[in-house]
Amino acid sequence: MTSIPSIPPYPQGRNILEGKTVLITAAAGTGIGFATAKRCLEEGARVMISDVHERRLGEAADALAPLGKVATARCDVSIEADVQALWQRAEAELGGVDVLVNNAGLGGTAPLVEMTDEQWHKVLDITLTGTFRMTRAALKHMTPRGTGAIVNNASVLAWRAQAGQAHYAAAKAGVMALTRCAAIEAAPFGVRINAVAPSIAMHPFLAKVTTDELLEELTSREAFGRAAEPWEVANVIVFLASDYSSYMTGEIVSVSSQHP
């Protein structure tokens, strides 16, 4: 019998983001956004985290404090005024944003025939249109400087079908298309835009909103026999944010061990 590979050791920082400033949306809590903030700090970046949950945002900043001071700003990416206020604060506190990580997104499960317009629009507005709003704001600041990187959080569900996920899958497919089109427009100005597409990254919030049966089914499809740790997805985000990916733009990088 072949044993299931264990979780690898947590990586040491190599300062590959030294001197860079990073803004991350939806970074409160215990998911990919928080893990990305932690990895960015460990790689030498100065970081601002944003989230719609103000209390959890403060708790996240406190948890990250041993790694360095973290700026915070509440923002609802479905509200343009919030997005503009976030950018003004980020520019002021960080002295300019080198990297934007668009992590904000909203899921949910509903069969298509039972899905309401409200459910559909809410997932699309936060997951896809929120990414559009943040990207638009970022490009207005990055393109005049002739440099910058944007990393979007998509999902393998944009490629693979799963019952009850029509709104989420459509939104993430839109994020992929937005990434590719925006990348072509931004390239002449020295700004790179890429995306990650995770399959399943385990954290307490996901476990809270997903049935044990579905989690077991999704995990069983993974070649390693386990879900990714959020920091394993964050590692790829850090790579795309760094100069190591200087020739990559418009790419969607699958962070998955899923087999057919």
Protein backbone atom coordinates (compact mmCIF):
# COMPACT_ATOMS: atom_id res chain seq x y z
CA MET A 1 0.00 0.00 0.00
CA THR A 2 1.27 3.45 -0.92
CA SER A 3 1.25 5.90 1.98
CA ILE A 4 -0.22 9.38 1.62
CA PRO A 5 2.50 12.04 1.54
CA SER A 6 2.56 14.14 4.68
CA ILE A 7 2.36 17.92 4.77
CA PRO A 8 5.81 19.31 3.91
CA PRO A 9 7.73 21.52 6.35
CA TYR A 10 6.70 25.16 6.48
CA PRO A 11 9.13 27.15 4.28
CA GLN A 12 11.65 29.64 5.55
CA GLY A 13 11.53 33.16 4.15
CA ARG A 14 14.13 34.08 1.52
CA ASN A 15 13.37 37.81 1.28
CA ILE A 16 12.15 37.46 -2.30
CA LEU A 17 9.71 40.35 -1.71
CA GLU A 18 12.20 42.56 0.08
CA GLY A 19 11.45 46.22 -0.54
CA LYS A 20 7.98 45.58 -1.98
CA THR A 21 4.64 46.74 -0.64
CA VAL A 22 1.66 44.39 -0.80
CA LEU A 23 -2.08 45.00 -0.43
CA ILE A 24 -4.24 41.92 0.20
CA THR A 25 -8.05 41.83 0.25
CA ALA A 26 -10.09 39.45 2.43
CA ALA A 27 -7.07 38.73 4.62
CA ALA A 28 -8.81 38.36 7.98
CA GLY A 29 -9.48 34.91 9.38
CA THR A 30 -7.52 31.75 8.68
CA GLY A 31 -7.72 31.27 4.92
CA ILE A 32 -5.58 31.96 1.88
CA GLY A 33 -5.61 35.74 2.36
CA PHE A 34 -4.20 35.56 5.88
CA ALA A 35 -1.66 32.92 4.86
CA THR A 36 -0.57 35.16 1.99
CA ALA A 37 -0.10 38.13 4.30
CA LYS A 38 2.03 35.99 6.60
CA ARG A 39 4.18 34.64 3.77
CA CYS A 40 4.64 38.13 2.29
CA LEU A 41 5.87 39.44 5.63
CA GLU A 42 8.21 36.47 5.95
CA GLU A 43 9.54 37.28 2.48
CA GLY A 44 10.43 40.83 3.46
CA ALA A 45 7.42 42.84 2.19
CA ARG A 46 5.53 45.62 3.91
CA VAL A 47 1.88 44.64 4.02
CA MET A 48 -1.59 46.13 4.29
CA ILE A 49 -4.51 43.78 4.83
CA SER A 50 -8.12 44.56 4.14
CA ASP A 51 -11.39 42.82 4.92
CA VAL A 52 -15.07 43.58 5.37
CA HIS A 53 -14.98 42.14 8.92
CA GLU A 54 -13.42 44.86 11.07
CA ARG A 55 -13.05 42.84 14.29
CA ARG A 56 -11.48 39.88 12.51
CA LEU A 57 -9.23 42.30 10.64
CA GLY A 58 -7.84 43.60 13.92
CA GLU A 59 -7.35 40.07 15.20
CA ALA A 60 -5.46 39.17 12.02
CA ALA A 61 -3.17 42.17 12.40
CA ASP A 62 -2.47 41.20 16.01
CA ALA A 63 -1.62 37.65 14.95
CA LEU A 64 0.78 38.96 12.31
CA ALA A 65 2.38 41.55 14.60
CA PRO A 66 5.36 39.35 15.62
CA LEU A 67 6.44 39.40 11.96
CA GLY A 68 6.18 43.16 11.62
CA LYS A 69 3.73 46.02 11.66
CA VAL A 70 0.73 45.43 9.40
CA ALA A 71 -1.48 48.25 8.16
CA THR A 72 -5.22 47.56 8.05
CA ALA A 73 -8.25 49.03 6.33
CA ARG A 74 -11.83 47.85 6.23
CA CYS A 75 -13.19 47.52 2.69
CA ASP A 76 -16.24 46.00 1.03
CA VAL A 77 -15.10 45.35 -2.53
CA SER A 78 -18.71 45.47 -3.73
CA ILE A 79 -18.77 49.20 -2.91
CA GLU A 80 -16.74 51.49 -5.19
CA ALA A 81 -16.39 54.19 -2.53
CA ASP A 82 -14.78 51.62 -0.20
CA VAL A 83 -12.36 50.57 -2.93
CA GLN A 84 -11.31 54.16 -3.58
CA ALA A 85 -10.87 54.83 0.14
CA LEU A 86 -8.79 51.67 0.49
CA TRP A 87 -6.42 52.74 -2.29
CA GLN A 88 -6.01 56.21 -0.88
CA ARG A 89 -5.13 54.77 2.51
CA ALA A 90 -2.80 52.13 1.03
CA GLU A 91 -0.95 54.70 -1.05
CA ALA A 92 -0.58 56.95 2.00
CA GLU A 93 0.52 54.28 4.48
CA LEU A 94 2.66 52.14 2.18
CA GLY A 95 3.98 54.93 -0.01
CA GLY A 96 2.62 53.18 -3.09
CA VAL A 97 1.46 49.63 -3.75
CA ASP A 98 3.78 47.29 -5.67
CA VAL A 99 1.58 44.19 -5.43
CA LEU A 100 -2.18 43.71 -5.19
CA VAL A 101 -3.56 40.32 -4.19
CA ASN A 102 -7.26 40.07 -5.06
CA ASN A 103 -8.39 37.41 -2.63
CA ALA A 104 -11.92 38.62 -1.85
CA GLY A 105 -14.61 36.21 -2.95
CA LEU A 106 -17.89 34.71 -1.84
CA GLY A 107 -19.11 31.14 -2.26
CA GLY A 108 -22.23 29.23 -1.39
CA THR A 109 -24.11 26.17 -2.55
CA ALA A 110 -27.45 26.20 -4.35
CA PRO A 111 -28.92 24.12 -7.19
CA LEU A 112 -29.37 26.29 -10.27
CA VAL A 113 -33.15 25.82 -10.41
CA GLU A 114 -33.42 27.03 -6.80
CA MET A 115 -30.83 29.80 -7.01
CA THR A 116 -32.28 33.28 -6.55
CA ASP A 117 -31.23 36.38 -8.46
CA GLU A 118 -29.95 37.77 -5.17
CA GLN A 119 -27.70 34.74 -4.56
CA TRP A 120 -26.36 34.92 -8.11
CA HIS A 121 -25.69 38.66 -8.09
CA LYS A 122 -24.09 38.70 -4.63
CA VAL A 123 -21.51 36.03 -5.53
CA LEU A 124 -20.77 37.68 -8.89
CA ASP A 125 -20.57 41.17 -7.41
CA ILE A 126 -18.04 40.28 -4.72
CA THR A 127 -16.03 37.60 -6.50
CA LEU A 128 -15.86 38.95 -10.04
CA THR A 129 -16.91 42.59 -10.01
CA GLY A 130 -14.99 43.19 -6.78
CA THR A 131 -11.86 41.89 -8.49
CA PHE A 132 -12.60 44.19 -11.44
CA ARG A 133 -13.02 47.22 -9.15
CA MET A 134 -9.77 46.55 -7.30
CA THR A 135 -7.86 45.85 -10.52
CA ARG A 136 -9.15 49.03 -12.14
CA ALA A 137 -8.06 51.07 -9.12
CA ALA A 138 -4.67 49.34 -9.04
CA LEU A 139 -3.95 50.00 -12.71
CA LYS A 140 -4.72 53.69 -12.34
CA HIS A 141 -1.89 53.86 -9.79
CA MET A 142 0.53 51.26 -11.18
CA THR A 143 0.57 52.11 -14.89
CA PRO A 144 1.86 55.68 -14.45
CA ARG A 145 4.76 54.25 -12.42
CA GLY A 146 5.51 51.62 -15.06
CA THR A 147 5.65 48.73 -12.60
CA GLY A 148 3.48 46.50 -10.47
CA ALA A 149 2.01 43.02 -10.08
CA ILE A 150 -1.54 41.84 -9.49
CA VAL A 151 -2.39 38.30 -8.41
CA ASN A 152 -6.01 37.16 -8.54
CA ASN A 153 -7.50 34.21 -6.69
CA ALA A 154 -9.52 32.09 -9.12
CA SER A 155 -10.49 28.42 -8.68
CA VAL A 156 -10.28 25.09 -10.46
CA LEU A 157 -14.09 25.21 -10.44
CA ALA A 158 -13.79 27.62 -13.35
CA TRP A 159 -12.60 24.57 -15.31
CA ARG A 160 -14.32 21.68 -13.54
CA ALA A 161 -18.02 21.18 -12.93
CA GLN A 162 -19.46 20.80 -9.44
CA ALA A 163 -23.16 20.69 -8.60
CA GLY A 164 -24.50 23.66 -6.69
CA GLN A 165 -21.63 25.94 -7.73
CA ALA A 166 -22.91 27.59 -10.92
CA HIS A 167 -22.63 31.13 -9.53
CA TYR A 168 -19.22 30.62 -7.95
CA ALA A 169 -17.80 28.75 -10.95
CA ALA A 170 -19.10 31.42 -13.34
CA ALA A 171 -17.57 34.16 -11.19
CA LYS A 172 -14.18 32.43 -11.02
CA ALA A 173 -14.23 31.77 -14.78
CA GLY A 174 -14.83 35.49 -15.14
CA VAL A 175 -11.83 36.20 -12.91
CA MET A 176 -9.70 34.09 -15.23
CA ALA A 177 -10.93 35.94 -18.33
CA LEU A 178 -10.49 39.30 -16.59
CA THR A 179 -6.94 38.32 -15.65
CA ARG A 180 -6.01 37.51 -19.25
CA CYS A 181 -7.60 40.61 -20.79
CA ALA A 182 -6.31 43.01 -18.15
CA ALA A 183 -2.83 41.50 -18.50
CA ILE A 184 -2.72 42.34 -22.21
CA GLU A 185 -3.76 45.93 -21.51
CA ALA A 186 -1.29 46.35 -18.63
CA ALA A 187 1.76 44.75 -20.24
CA PRO A 188 2.89 47.85 -22.20
CA PHE A 189 3.03 49.70 -18.88
CA GLY A 190 5.20 47.12 -17.12
CA VAL A 191 2.41 45.71 -14.94
CA ARG A 192 1.94 41.95 -14.68
CA ILE A 193 -1.40 40.27 -13.87
CA ASN A 194 -1.70 36.56 -13.11
CA ALA A 195 -3.99 34.28 -11.13
CA VAL A 196 -3.88 31.15 -9.03
CA ALA A 197 -6.56 28.47 -9.28
CA PRO A 198 -6.60 26.36 -6.10
CA SER A 199 -8.60 23.15 -5.85
CA ILE A 200 -9.14 22.80 -2.10
CA ALA A 201 -7.27 24.50 0.73
CA MET A 202 -8.38 23.46 4.18
CA HIS A 203 -9.07 26.04 6.88
CA PRO A 204 -11.66 26.36 9.67
CA PHE A 205 -14.05 28.61 7.73
CA LEU A 206 -14.24 26.19 4.83
CA ALA A 207 -14.89 23.32 7.23
CA LYS A 208 -17.65 25.38 8.84
CA VAL A 209 -19.57 26.04 5.62
CA THR A 210 -18.97 22.71 3.86
CA THR A 211 -20.37 19.31 4.78
CA ASP A 212 -18.00 16.59 5.93
CA GLU A 213 -19.26 14.41 3.09
CA LEU A 214 -18.37 16.96 0.42
CA LEU A 215 -14.97 17.69 1.97
CA GLU A 216 -14.21 13.98 2.02
CA GLU A 217 -15.27 13.62 -1.61
CA LEU A 218 -13.19 16.60 -2.76
CA THR A 219 -10.15 15.47 -0.80
CA SER A 220 -10.40 11.96 -2.25
CA ARG A 221 -9.85 13.43 -5.73
CA GLU A 222 -6.49 14.91 -4.77
CA ALA A 223 -3.39 12.94 -5.75
CA PHE A 224 -1.79 13.61 -2.37
CA GLY A 225 -4.91 12.42 -0.56
CA ARG A 226 -5.25 15.68 1.35
CA ALA A 227 -6.31 19.27 0.90
CA ALA A 228 -3.67 21.95 0.44
CA GLU A 229 -2.61 24.00 3.39
CA PRO A 230 -3.50 27.69 2.81
CA TRP A 231 0.21 28.57 2.92
CA GLU A 232 0.87 26.18 0.04
CA VAL A 233 -1.42 28.30 -2.13
CA ALA A 234 0.14 31.45 -0.65
CA ASN A 235 3.57 30.24 -1.78
CA VAL A 236 2.45 30.34 -5.41
CA ILE A 237 0.91 33.79 -4.91
CA VAL A 238 4.22 35.00 -3.47
CA PHE A 239 6.05 33.60 -6.50
CA LEU A 240 3.70 35.42 -8.89
CA ALA A 241 4.13 38.61 -6.87
CA SER A 242 7.91 38.35 -6.99
CA ASP A 243 10.48 39.16 -9.65
CA TYR A 244 11.02 35.41 -10.13
CA SER A 245 7.91 35.44 -12.34
CA SER A 246 8.98 38.51 -14.33
CA TYR A 247 8.12 36.96 -17.72
CA MET A 248 4.69 35.70 -16.67
CA THR A 249 1.50 37.64 -17.31
CA GLY A 250 -2.04 36.61 -18.18
CA GLU A 251 -1.34 33.15 -16.75
CA ILE A 252 -3.64 31.02 -14.59
CA VAL A 253 -1.58 28.74 -12.37
CA SER A 254 -3.40 25.69 -11.05
CA VAL A 255 -2.55 24.96 -7.41
CA SER A 256 -3.93 21.47 -7.30
CA SER A 257 -3.04 17.82 -7.11
CA GLN A 258 -6.47 16.83 -8.38
CA HIS A 259 -6.63 13.92 -10.78
CA PRO A 260 -9.51 13.08 -13.20
